[in-house]
């Protein structure tokens, strides 16, 4: 049985990269996204074990960062449009690409 601790998730925000200045990286103002459900990060990389003298003699670990799944109840339309490069049609309420 794994010893796992579960923490609550709230106050999720997203900030898009400001593309106006290419020489100096900057971020736009963060936008709050209500309705956080879960966040599941997973470490990327692997362990390599070399066995000698009847046991693990040398263990190396590579750290390639993390990938994660973020589950939200509802992402606002304005945020989806910015993320996916879509436009919102105010008459039809449809997505245009």
PDB file of N, CA and C in Angstrom:
ATOM      1  N   UNK A   1       0.849  -1.182   0.000  1.00  0.00           N
ATOM      2  CA  UNK A   1       0.000   0.000   0.000  1.00  0.00           C
ATOM      3  C   UNK A   1       0.892   1.242   0.000  1.00  0.00           C
ATOM      4  N   UNK A   2       0.593   2.180  -0.901  1.00  0.00           N
ATOM      5  CA  UNK A   2       1.367   3.408  -0.990  1.00  0.00           C
ATOM      6  C   UNK A   2       0.937   4.390   0.083  1.00  0.00           C
ATOM      7  N   UNK A   3       1.901   5.124   0.596  1.00  0.00           N
ATOM      8  CA  UNK A   3       1.599   6.210   1.519  1.00  0.00           C
ATOM      9  C   UNK A   3       1.387   7.466   0.683  1.00  0.00           C
ATOM     10  N   UNK A   4       0.147   7.845   0.508  1.00  0.00           N
ATOM     11  CA  UNK A   4      -0.167   9.015  -0.303  1.00  0.00           C
ATOM     12  C   UNK A   4      -0.915  10.034   0.530  1.00  0.00           C
ATOM     13  N   UNK A   5      -0.614  11.299   0.255  1.00  0.00           N
ATOM     14  CA  UNK A   5      -1.299  12.391   0.910  1.00  0.00           C
ATOM     15  C   UNK A   5      -2.036  13.162  -0.168  1.00  0.00           C
ATOM     16  N   UNK A   6      -3.279  13.494   0.085  1.00  0.00           N
ATOM     17  CA  UNK A   6      -4.072  14.239  -0.869  1.00  0.00           C
ATOM     18  C   UNK A   6      -4.270  15.655  -0.352  1.00  0.00           C
ATOM     19  N   UNK A   7      -3.979  16.611  -1.224  1.00  0.00           N
ATOM     20  CA  UNK A   7      -4.152  18.012  -0.878  1.00  0.00           C
ATOM     21  C   UNK A   7      -5.282  18.585  -1.722  1.00  0.00           C
ATOM     22  N   UNK A   8      -5.925  19.608  -1.221  1.00  0.00           N
ATOM     23  CA  UNK A   8      -6.970  20.276  -1.977  1.00  0.00           C
ATOM     24  C   UNK A   8      -6.365  21.132  -3.088  1.00  0.00           C
ATOM     25  N   UNK A   9      -7.171  21.463  -4.074  1.00  0.00           N
ATOM     26  CA  UNK A   9      -6.722  22.275  -5.198  1.00  0.00           C
ATOM     27  C   UNK A   9      -7.700  23.426  -5.363  1.00  0.00           C
ATOM     28  N   UNK A  10      -7.170  24.643  -5.400  1.00  0.00           N
ATOM     29  CA  UNK A  10      -8.007  25.814  -5.582  1.00  0.00           C
ATOM     30  C   UNK A  10      -7.165  26.957  -6.139  1.00  0.00           C
ATOM     31  N   UNK A  11      -7.818  28.011  -6.544  1.00  0.00           N
ATOM     32  CA  UNK A  11      -7.178  29.238  -7.023  1.00  0.00           C
ATOM     33  C   UNK A  11      -6.238  28.984  -8.198  1.00  0.00           C
ATOM     34  N   UNK A  12      -6.703  28.241  -9.196  1.00  0.00           N
ATOM     35  CA  UNK A  12      -5.922  27.989 -10.408  1.00  0.00           C
ATOM     36  C   UNK A  12      -5.954  29.251 -11.269  1.00  0.00           C
ATOM     37  N   UNK A  13      -4.794  29.647 -11.757  1.00  0.00           N
ATOM     38  CA  UNK A  13      -4.664  30.799 -12.635  1.00  0.00           C
ATOM     39  C   UNK A  13      -3.858  30.398 -13.866  1.00  0.00           C
ATOM     40  N   UNK A  14      -4.052  31.132 -14.954  1.00  0.00           N
ATOM     41  CA  UNK A  14      -3.257  30.925 -16.157  1.00  0.00           C
ATOM     42  C   UNK A  14      -2.743  32.292 -16.603  1.00  0.00           C
ATOM     43  N   UNK A  15      -1.490  32.309 -17.072  1.00  0.00           N
ATOM     44  CA  UNK A  15      -0.900  33.538 -17.602  1.00  0.00           C
ATOM     45  C   UNK A  15      -0.310  33.211 -18.967  1.00  0.00           C
ATOM     46  N   UNK A  16      -0.704  33.967 -19.969  1.00  0.00           N
ATOM     47  CA  UNK A  16      -0.196  33.759 -21.315  1.00  0.00           C
ATOM     48  C   UNK A  16       1.077  34.576 -21.513  1.00  0.00           C
ATOM     49  N   UNK A  17       1.938  34.090 -22.381  1.00  0.00           N
ATOM     50  CA  UNK A  17       3.186  34.785 -22.667  1.00  0.00           C
ATOM     51  C   UNK A  17       2.891  36.048 -23.473  1.00  0.00           C
ATOM     52  N   UNK A  18       3.523  37.149 -23.088  1.00  0.00           N
ATOM     53  CA  UNK A  18       3.368  38.413 -23.801  1.00  0.00           C
ATOM     54  C   UNK A  18       4.273  38.392 -25.029  1.00  0.00           C
ATOM     55  N   UNK A  19       3.677  38.404 -26.205  1.00  0.00           N
ATOM     56  CA  UNK A  19       4.432  38.269 -27.446  1.00  0.00           C
ATOM     57  C   UNK A  19       4.833  39.602 -28.064  1.00  0.00           C
ATOM     58  N   UNK A  20       4.585  40.711 -27.377  1.00  0.00           N
ATOM     59  CA  UNK A  20       4.912  42.013 -27.948  1.00  0.00           C
ATOM     60  C   UNK A  20       6.403  42.310 -27.920  1.00  0.00           C
ATOM     61  N   UNK A  21       7.114  41.816 -26.929  1.00  0.00           N
ATOM     62  CA  UNK A  21       8.549  42.061 -26.823  1.00  0.00           C
ATOM     63  C   UNK A  21       9.292  40.734 -26.925  1.00  0.00           C
ATOM     64  N   UNK A  22       9.966  40.518 -28.046  1.00  0.00           N
ATOM     65  CA  UNK A  22      10.625  39.221 -28.260  1.00  0.00           C
ATOM     66  C   UNK A  22      11.956  39.112 -27.520  1.00  0.00           C
ATOM     67  N   UNK A  23      12.596  40.217 -27.237  1.00  0.00           N
ATOM     68  CA  UNK A  23      13.910  40.159 -26.585  1.00  0.00           C
ATOM     69  C   UNK A  23      13.810  39.954 -25.082  1.00  0.00           C
ATOM     70  N   UNK A  24      12.745  40.433 -24.471  1.00  0.00           N
ATOM     71  CA  UNK A  24      12.575  40.303 -23.019  1.00  0.00           C
ATOM     72  C   UNK A  24      11.321  39.492 -22.723  1.00  0.00           C
ATOM     73  N   UNK A  25      11.438  38.216 -22.324  1.00  0.00           N
ATOM     74  CA  UNK A  25      10.245  37.406 -22.040  1.00  0.00           C
ATOM     75  C   UNK A  25       9.415  38.009 -20.901  1.00  0.00           C
ATOM     76  N   UNK A  26       8.124  38.026 -21.083  1.00  0.00           N
ATOM     77  CA  UNK A  26       7.222  38.557 -20.056  1.00  0.00           C
ATOM     78  C   UNK A  26       5.903  37.802 -20.127  1.00  0.00           C
ATOM     79  N   UNK A  27       5.105  37.954 -19.080  1.00  0.00           N
ATOM     80  CA  UNK A  27       3.812  37.287 -18.987  1.00  0.00           C
ATOM     81  C   UNK A  27       2.721  38.319 -18.866  1.00  0.00           C
ATOM     82  N   UNK A  28       1.557  38.017 -19.436  1.00  0.00           N
ATOM     83  CA  UNK A  28       0.399  38.879 -19.267  1.00  0.00           C
ATOM     84  C   UNK A  28      -0.160  38.688 -17.860  1.00  0.00           C
ATOM     85  N   UNK A  29      -1.149  39.479 -17.505  1.00  0.00           N
ATOM     86  CA  UNK A  29      -1.770  39.382 -16.182  1.00  0.00           C
ATOM     87  C   UNK A  29      -2.462  38.022 -16.032  1.00  0.00           C
ATOM     88  N   UNK A  30      -2.211  37.304 -14.924  1.00  0.00           N
ATOM     89  CA  UNK A  30      -2.857  36.002 -14.718  1.00  0.00           C
ATOM     90  C   UNK A  30      -4.381  36.111 -14.658  1.00  0.00           C
ATOM     91  N   UNK A  31      -5.046  35.080 -15.186  1.00  0.00           N
ATOM     92  CA  UNK A  31      -6.508  35.012 -15.206  1.00  0.00           C
ATOM     93  C   UNK A  31      -6.938  33.854 -14.299  1.00  0.00           C
ATOM     94  N   UNK A  32      -7.857  34.129 -13.390  1.00  0.00           N
ATOM     95  CA  UNK A  32      -8.366  33.085 -12.489  1.00  0.00           C
ATOM     96  C   UNK A  32      -9.309  32.158 -13.252  1.00  0.00           C
ATOM     97  N   UNK A  33      -9.164  30.858 -13.002  1.00  0.00           N
ATOM     98  CA  UNK A  33     -10.060  29.867 -13.601  1.00  0.00           C
ATOM     99  C   UNK A  33     -10.714  29.080 -12.458  1.00  0.00           C
ATOM    100  N   UNK A  34     -11.986  29.355 -12.168  1.00  0.00           N
ATOM    101  CA  UNK A  34     -12.652  28.629 -11.083  1.00  0.00           C
ATOM    102  C   UNK A  34     -13.005  27.202 -11.495  1.00  0.00           C
ATOM    103  N   UNK A  35     -13.218  26.346 -10.525  1.00  0.00           N
ATOM    104  CA  UNK A  35     -13.684  24.984 -10.798  1.00  0.00           C
ATOM    105  C   UNK A  35     -12.583  23.953 -10.895  1.00  0.00           C
ATOM    106  N   UNK A  36     -11.506  24.107 -10.134  1.00  0.00           N
ATOM    107  CA  UNK A  36     -10.423  23.136 -10.156  1.00  0.00           C
ATOM    108  C   UNK A  36     -10.887  21.810  -9.570  1.00  0.00           C
ATOM    109  N   UNK A  37     -10.600  20.707 -10.269  1.00  0.00           N
ATOM    110  CA  UNK A  37     -11.011  19.379  -9.815  1.00  0.00           C
ATOM    111  C   UNK A  37      -9.793  18.585  -9.339  1.00  0.00           C
ATOM    112  N   UNK A  38      -8.801  18.412 -10.204  1.00  0.00           N
ATOM    113  CA  UNK A  38      -7.624  17.638  -9.812  1.00  0.00           C
ATOM    114  C   UNK A  38      -6.406  18.031 -10.636  1.00  0.00           C
ATOM    115  N   UNK A  39      -5.244  17.791 -10.067  1.00  0.00           N
ATOM    116  CA  UNK A  39      -3.957  18.032 -10.716  1.00  0.00           C
ATOM    117  C   UNK A  39      -3.092  16.815 -10.441  1.00  0.00           C
ATOM    118  N   UNK A  40      -2.656  16.122 -11.503  1.00  0.00           N
ATOM    119  CA  UNK A  40      -1.904  14.879 -11.348  1.00  0.00           C
ATOM    120  C   UNK A  40      -0.570  14.970 -12.091  1.00  0.00           C
ATOM    121  N   UNK A  41       0.494  15.406 -11.401  1.00  0.00           N
ATOM    122  CA  UNK A  41       1.802  15.451 -12.054  1.00  0.00           C
ATOM    123  C   UNK A  41       2.454  14.072 -12.090  1.00  0.00           C
ATOM    124  N   UNK A  42       3.279  13.853 -13.100  1.00  0.00           N
ATOM    125  CA  UNK A  42       3.993  12.599 -13.238  1.00  0.00           C
ATOM    126  C   UNK A  42       5.439  12.915 -13.627  1.00  0.00           C
ATOM    127  N   UNK A  43       6.386  12.386 -12.878  1.00  0.00           N
ATOM    128  CA  UNK A  43       7.796  12.628 -13.173  1.00  0.00           C
ATOM    129  C   UNK A  43       8.201  11.915 -14.455  1.00  0.00           C
ATOM    130  N   UNK A  44       8.941  12.620 -15.290  1.00  0.00           N
ATOM    131  CA  UNK A  44       9.475  12.036 -16.518  1.00  0.00           C
ATOM    132  C   UNK A  44      10.952  11.724 -16.288  1.00  0.00           C
ATOM    133  N   UNK A  45      11.376  10.584 -16.713  1.00  0.00           N
ATOM    134  CA  UNK A  45      12.752  10.146 -16.515  1.00  0.00           C
ATOM    135  C   UNK A  45      12.756   8.690 -16.117  1.00  0.00           C
ATOM    136  N   UNK A  46      13.931   8.195 -15.823  1.00  0.00           N
ATOM    137  CA  UNK A  46      13.986   6.796 -15.419  1.00  0.00           C
ATOM    138  C   UNK A  46      15.174   6.546 -14.498  1.00  0.00           C
ATOM    139  N   UNK A  47      15.102   5.432 -13.799  1.00  0.00           N
ATOM    140  CA  UNK A  47      16.184   4.991 -12.927  1.00  0.00           C
ATOM    141  C   UNK A  47      16.938   3.868 -13.625  1.00  0.00           C
ATOM    142  N   UNK A  48      18.242   3.927 -13.528  1.00  0.00           N
ATOM    143  CA  UNK A  48      19.081   2.850 -14.048  1.00  0.00           C
ATOM    144  C   UNK A  48      19.869   2.267 -12.887  1.00  0.00           C
ATOM    145  N   UNK A  49      19.742   0.974 -12.704  1.00  0.00           N
ATOM    146  CA  UNK A  49      20.411   0.309 -11.588  1.00  0.00           C
ATOM    147  C   UNK A  49      21.429  -0.684 -12.119  1.00  0.00           C
ATOM    148  N   UNK A  50      22.639  -0.595 -11.587  1.00  0.00           N
ATOM    149  CA  UNK A  50      23.696  -1.546 -11.910  1.00  0.00           C
ATOM    150  C   UNK A  50      23.875  -2.444 -10.692  1.00  0.00           C
ATOM    151  N   UNK A  51      23.761  -3.744 -10.917  1.00  0.00           N
ATOM    152  CA  UNK A  51      23.839  -4.704  -9.811  1.00  0.00           C
ATOM    153  C   UNK A  51      25.222  -5.342  -9.753  1.00  0.00           C
ATOM    154  N   UNK A  52      25.762  -5.419  -8.558  1.00  0.00           N
ATOM    155  CA  UNK A  52      27.031  -6.099  -8.317  1.00  0.00           C
ATOM    156  C   UNK A  52      27.061  -6.506  -6.847  1.00  0.00           C
ATOM    157  N   UNK A  53      27.880  -7.473  -6.532  1.00  0.00           N
ATOM    158  CA  UNK A  53      28.015  -7.970  -5.153  1.00  0.00           C
ATOM    159  C   UNK A  53      26.660  -8.291  -4.521  1.00  0.00           C
ATOM    160  N   UNK A  54      25.800  -8.924  -5.310  1.00  0.00           N
ATOM    161  CA  UNK A  54      24.512  -9.392  -4.829  1.00  0.00           C
ATOM    162  C   UNK A  54      23.589  -8.260  -4.369  1.00  0.00           C
ATOM    163  N   UNK A  55      23.655  -7.114  -5.047  1.00  0.00           N
ATOM    164  CA  UNK A  55      22.774  -6.001  -4.694  1.00  0.00           C
ATOM    165  C   UNK A  55      22.952  -4.849  -5.661  1.00  0.00           C
ATOM    166  N   UNK A  56      22.203  -3.798  -5.432  1.00  0.00           N
ATOM    167  CA  UNK A  56      22.335  -2.622  -6.300  1.00  0.00           C
ATOM    168  C   UNK A  56      23.625  -1.887  -5.937  1.00  0.00           C
ATOM    169  N   UNK A  57      24.505  -1.792  -6.914  1.00  0.00           N
ATOM    170  CA  UNK A  57      25.847  -1.237  -6.706  1.00  0.00           C
ATOM    171  C   UNK A  57      25.878   0.246  -7.059  1.00  0.00           C
ATOM    172  N   UNK A  58      25.174   0.603  -8.127  1.00  0.00           N
ATOM    173  CA  UNK A  58      25.127   1.998  -8.561  1.00  0.00           C
ATOM    174  C   UNK A  58      23.739   2.277  -9.130  1.00  0.00           C
ATOM    175  N   UNK A  59      23.140   3.386  -8.701  1.00  0.00           N
ATOM    176  CA  UNK A  59      21.814   3.781  -9.195  1.00  0.00           C
ATOM    177  C   UNK A  59      21.918   5.212  -9.730  1.00  0.00           C
ATOM    178  N   UNK A  60      21.510   5.389 -10.971  1.00  0.00           N
ATOM    179  CA  UNK A  60      21.465   6.742 -11.538  1.00  0.00           C
ATOM    180  C   UNK A  60      20.021   7.070 -11.901  1.00  0.00           C
ATOM    181  N   UNK A  61      19.681   8.323 -11.707  1.00  0.00           N
ATOM    182  CA  UNK A  61      18.322   8.781 -11.975  1.00  0.00           C
ATOM    183  C   UNK A  61      18.385   9.966 -12.926  1.00  0.00           C
ATOM    184  N   UNK A  62      17.587   9.908 -13.987  1.00  0.00           N
ATOM    185  CA  UNK A  62      17.501  11.056 -14.892  1.00  0.00           C
ATOM    186  C   UNK A  62      16.216  11.817 -14.595  1.00  0.00           C
ATOM    187  N   UNK A  63      16.321  13.134 -14.581  1.00  0.00           N
ATOM    188  CA  UNK A  63      15.173  13.991 -14.314  1.00  0.00           C
ATOM    189  C   UNK A  63      14.877  14.783 -15.575  1.00  0.00           C
ATOM    190  N   UNK A  64      13.800  14.439 -16.251  1.00  0.00           N
ATOM    191  CA  UNK A  64      13.398  15.138 -17.469  1.00  0.00           C
ATOM    192  C   UNK A  64      12.179  16.009 -17.231  1.00  0.00           C
ATOM    193  N   UNK A  65      11.996  16.462 -16.006  1.00  0.00           N
ATOM    194  CA  UNK A  65      10.863  17.333 -15.691  1.00  0.00           C
ATOM    195  C   UNK A  65       9.602  16.545 -15.394  1.00  0.00           C
ATOM    196  N   UNK A  66       8.490  17.190 -15.579  1.00  0.00           N
ATOM    197  CA  UNK A  66       7.188  16.592 -15.264  1.00  0.00           C
ATOM    198  C   UNK A  66       6.195  16.836 -16.395  1.00  0.00           C
ATOM    199  N   UNK A  67       5.260  15.937 -16.521  1.00  0.00           N
ATOM    200  CA  UNK A  67       4.054  16.176 -17.310  1.00  0.00           C
ATOM    201  C   UNK A  67       2.900  16.069 -16.318  1.00  0.00           C
ATOM    202  N   UNK A  68       1.783  16.707 -16.639  1.00  0.00           N
ATOM    203  CA  UNK A  68       0.690  16.705 -15.671  1.00  0.00           C
ATOM    204  C   UNK A  68      -0.652  16.763 -16.382  1.00  0.00           C
ATOM    205  N   UNK A  69      -1.658  16.274 -15.695  1.00  0.00           N
ATOM    206  CA  UNK A  69      -3.043  16.385 -16.136  1.00  0.00           C
ATOM    207  C   UNK A  69      -3.759  17.314 -15.166  1.00  0.00           C
ATOM    208  N   UNK A  70      -4.410  18.328 -15.716  1.00  0.00           N
ATOM    209  CA  UNK A  70      -5.194  19.259 -14.920  1.00  0.00           C
ATOM    210  C   UNK A  70      -6.653  19.101 -15.321  1.00  0.00           C
ATOM    211  N   UNK A  71      -7.492  18.750 -14.363  1.00  0.00           N
ATOM    212  CA  UNK A  71      -8.918  18.592 -14.638  1.00  0.00           C
ATOM    213  C   UNK A  71      -9.675  19.770 -14.044  1.00  0.00           C
ATOM    214  N   UNK A  72     -10.453  20.425 -14.912  1.00  0.00           N
ATOM    215  CA  UNK A  72     -11.230  21.591 -14.496  1.00  0.00           C
ATOM    216  C   UNK A  72     -12.705  21.321 -14.785  1.00  0.00           C
ATOM    217  N   UNK A  73     -13.582  21.877 -13.968  1.00  0.00           N
ATOM    218  CA  UNK A  73     -15.020  21.718 -14.193  1.00  0.00           C
ATOM    219  C   UNK A  73     -15.430  22.430 -15.476  1.00  0.00           C
ATOM    220  N   UNK A  74     -14.933  23.637 -15.681  1.00  0.00           N
ATOM    221  CA  UNK A  74     -15.275  24.407 -16.872  1.00  0.00           C
ATOM    222  C   UNK A  74     -14.195  25.457 -17.098  1.00  0.00           C
ATOM    223  N   UNK A  75     -13.651  25.503 -18.301  1.00  0.00           N
ATOM    224  CA  UNK A  75     -12.680  26.531 -18.664  1.00  0.00           C
ATOM    225  C   UNK A  75     -13.453  27.629 -19.388  1.00  0.00           C
ATOM    226  N   UNK A  76     -13.299  28.889 -18.963  1.00  0.00           N
ATOM    227  CA  UNK A  76     -14.047  29.982 -19.605  1.00  0.00           C
ATOM    228  C   UNK A  76     -13.743  30.077 -21.106  1.00  0.00           C
ATOM    229  N   UNK A  77     -14.758  30.492 -21.879  1.00  0.00           N
ATOM    230  CA  UNK A  77     -14.618  30.577 -23.327  1.00  0.00           C
ATOM    231  C   UNK A  77     -13.471  31.484 -23.755  1.00  0.00           C
ATOM    232  N   UNK A  78     -13.282  32.601 -23.052  1.00  0.00           N
ATOM    233  CA  UNK A  78     -12.209  33.532 -23.419  1.00  0.00           C
ATOM    234  C   UNK A  78     -10.838  32.880 -23.274  1.00  0.00           C
ATOM    235  N   UNK A  79     -10.670  32.050 -22.257  1.00  0.00           N
ATOM    236  CA  UNK A  79      -9.397  31.358 -22.047  1.00  0.00           C
ATOM    237  C   UNK A  79      -9.187  30.298 -23.128  1.00  0.00           C
ATOM    238  N   UNK A  80     -10.222  29.543 -23.452  1.00  0.00           N
ATOM    239  CA  UNK A  80     -10.117  28.549 -24.526  1.00  0.00           C
ATOM    240  C   UNK A  80      -9.770  29.213 -25.855  1.00  0.00           C
ATOM    241  N   UNK A  81     -10.407  30.328 -26.149  1.00  0.00           N
ATOM    242  CA  UNK A  81     -10.143  31.029 -27.404  1.00  0.00           C
ATOM    243  C   UNK A  81      -8.687  31.485 -27.470  1.00  0.00           C
ATOM    244  N   UNK A  82      -8.157  31.997 -26.374  1.00  0.00           N
ATOM    245  CA  UNK A  82      -6.756  32.441 -26.343  1.00  0.00           C
ATOM    246  C   UNK A  82      -5.797  31.263 -26.469  1.00  0.00           C
ATOM    247  N   UNK A  83      -6.098  30.171 -25.782  1.00  0.00           N
ATOM    248  CA  UNK A  83      -5.214  29.001 -25.804  1.00  0.00           C
ATOM    249  C   UNK A  83      -5.167  28.341 -27.177  1.00  0.00           C
ATOM    250  N   UNK A  84      -6.310  28.241 -27.834  1.00  0.00           N
ATOM    251  CA  UNK A  84      -6.409  27.495 -29.080  1.00  0.00           C
ATOM    252  C   UNK A  84      -6.371  28.376 -30.327  1.00  0.00           C
ATOM    253  N   UNK A  85      -6.278  29.696 -30.129  1.00  0.00           N
ATOM    254  CA  UNK A  85      -6.218  30.598 -31.267  1.00  0.00           C
ATOM    255  C   UNK A  85      -7.542  30.733 -32.001  1.00  0.00           C
ATOM    256  N   UNK A  86      -8.640  30.541 -31.311  1.00  0.00           N
ATOM    257  CA  UNK A  86      -9.963  30.631 -31.915  1.00  0.00           C
ATOM    258  C   UNK A  86     -10.555  32.019 -31.671  1.00  0.00           C
ATOM    259  N   UNK A  87     -11.643  32.294 -32.373  1.00  0.00           N
ATOM    260  CA  UNK A  87     -12.411  33.511 -32.156  1.00  0.00           C
ATOM    261  C   UNK A  87     -13.834  33.103 -31.769  1.00  0.00           C
ATOM    262  N   UNK A  88     -14.468  33.928 -30.965  1.00  0.00           N
ATOM    263  CA  UNK A  88     -15.840  33.650 -30.545  1.00  0.00           C
ATOM    264  C   UNK A  88     -16.781  34.495 -31.392  1.00  0.00           C
ATOM    265  N   UNK A  89     -17.748  33.841 -32.031  1.00  0.00           N
ATOM    266  CA  UNK A  89     -18.765  34.540 -32.814  1.00  0.00           C
ATOM    267  C   UNK A  89     -19.867  34.978 -31.855  1.00  0.00           C
ATOM    268  N   UNK A  90     -20.018  36.277 -31.681  1.00  0.00           N
ATOM    269  CA  UNK A  90     -20.984  36.780 -30.699  1.00  0.00           C
ATOM    270  C   UNK A  90     -22.425  36.530 -31.115  1.00  0.00           C
ATOM    271  N   UNK A  91     -22.698  36.370 -32.410  1.00  0.00           N
ATOM    272  CA  UNK A  91     -24.066  36.137 -32.868  1.00  0.00           C
ATOM    273  C   UNK A  91     -24.496  34.690 -32.674  1.00  0.00           C
ATOM    274  N   UNK A  92     -23.629  33.780 -33.032  1.00  0.00           N
ATOM    275  CA  UNK A  92     -23.975  32.353 -32.999  1.00  0.00           C
ATOM    276  C   UNK A  92     -23.465  31.653 -31.738  1.00  0.00           C
ATOM    277  N   UNK A  93     -22.484  32.241 -31.085  1.00  0.00           N
ATOM    278  CA  UNK A  93     -21.893  31.578 -29.933  1.00  0.00           C
ATOM    279  C   UNK A  93     -21.055  30.394 -30.313  1.00  0.00           C
ATOM    280  N   UNK A  94     -20.601  30.351 -31.567  1.00  0.00           N
ATOM    281  CA  UNK A  94     -19.817  29.216 -32.046  1.00  0.00           C
ATOM    282  C   UNK A  94     -18.345  29.578 -32.092  1.00  0.00           C
ATOM    283  N   UNK A  95     -17.532  28.558 -32.210  1.00  0.00           N
ATOM    284  CA  UNK A  95     -16.096  28.772 -32.336  1.00  0.00           C
ATOM    285  C   UNK A  95     -15.725  28.895 -33.805  1.00  0.00           C
ATOM    286  N   UNK A  96     -14.893  29.820 -34.102  1.00  0.00           N
ATOM    287  CA  UNK A  96     -14.359  29.953 -35.452  1.00  0.00           C
ATOM    288  C   UNK A  96     -12.866  29.726 -35.404  1.00  0.00           C
ATOM    289  N   UNK A  97     -12.355  29.021 -36.365  1.00  0.00           N
ATOM    290  CA  UNK A  97     -10.911  28.778 -36.364  1.00  0.00           C
ATOM    291  C   UNK A  97     -10.275  29.546 -37.486  1.00  0.00           C
TER     292      UNK A  97
END
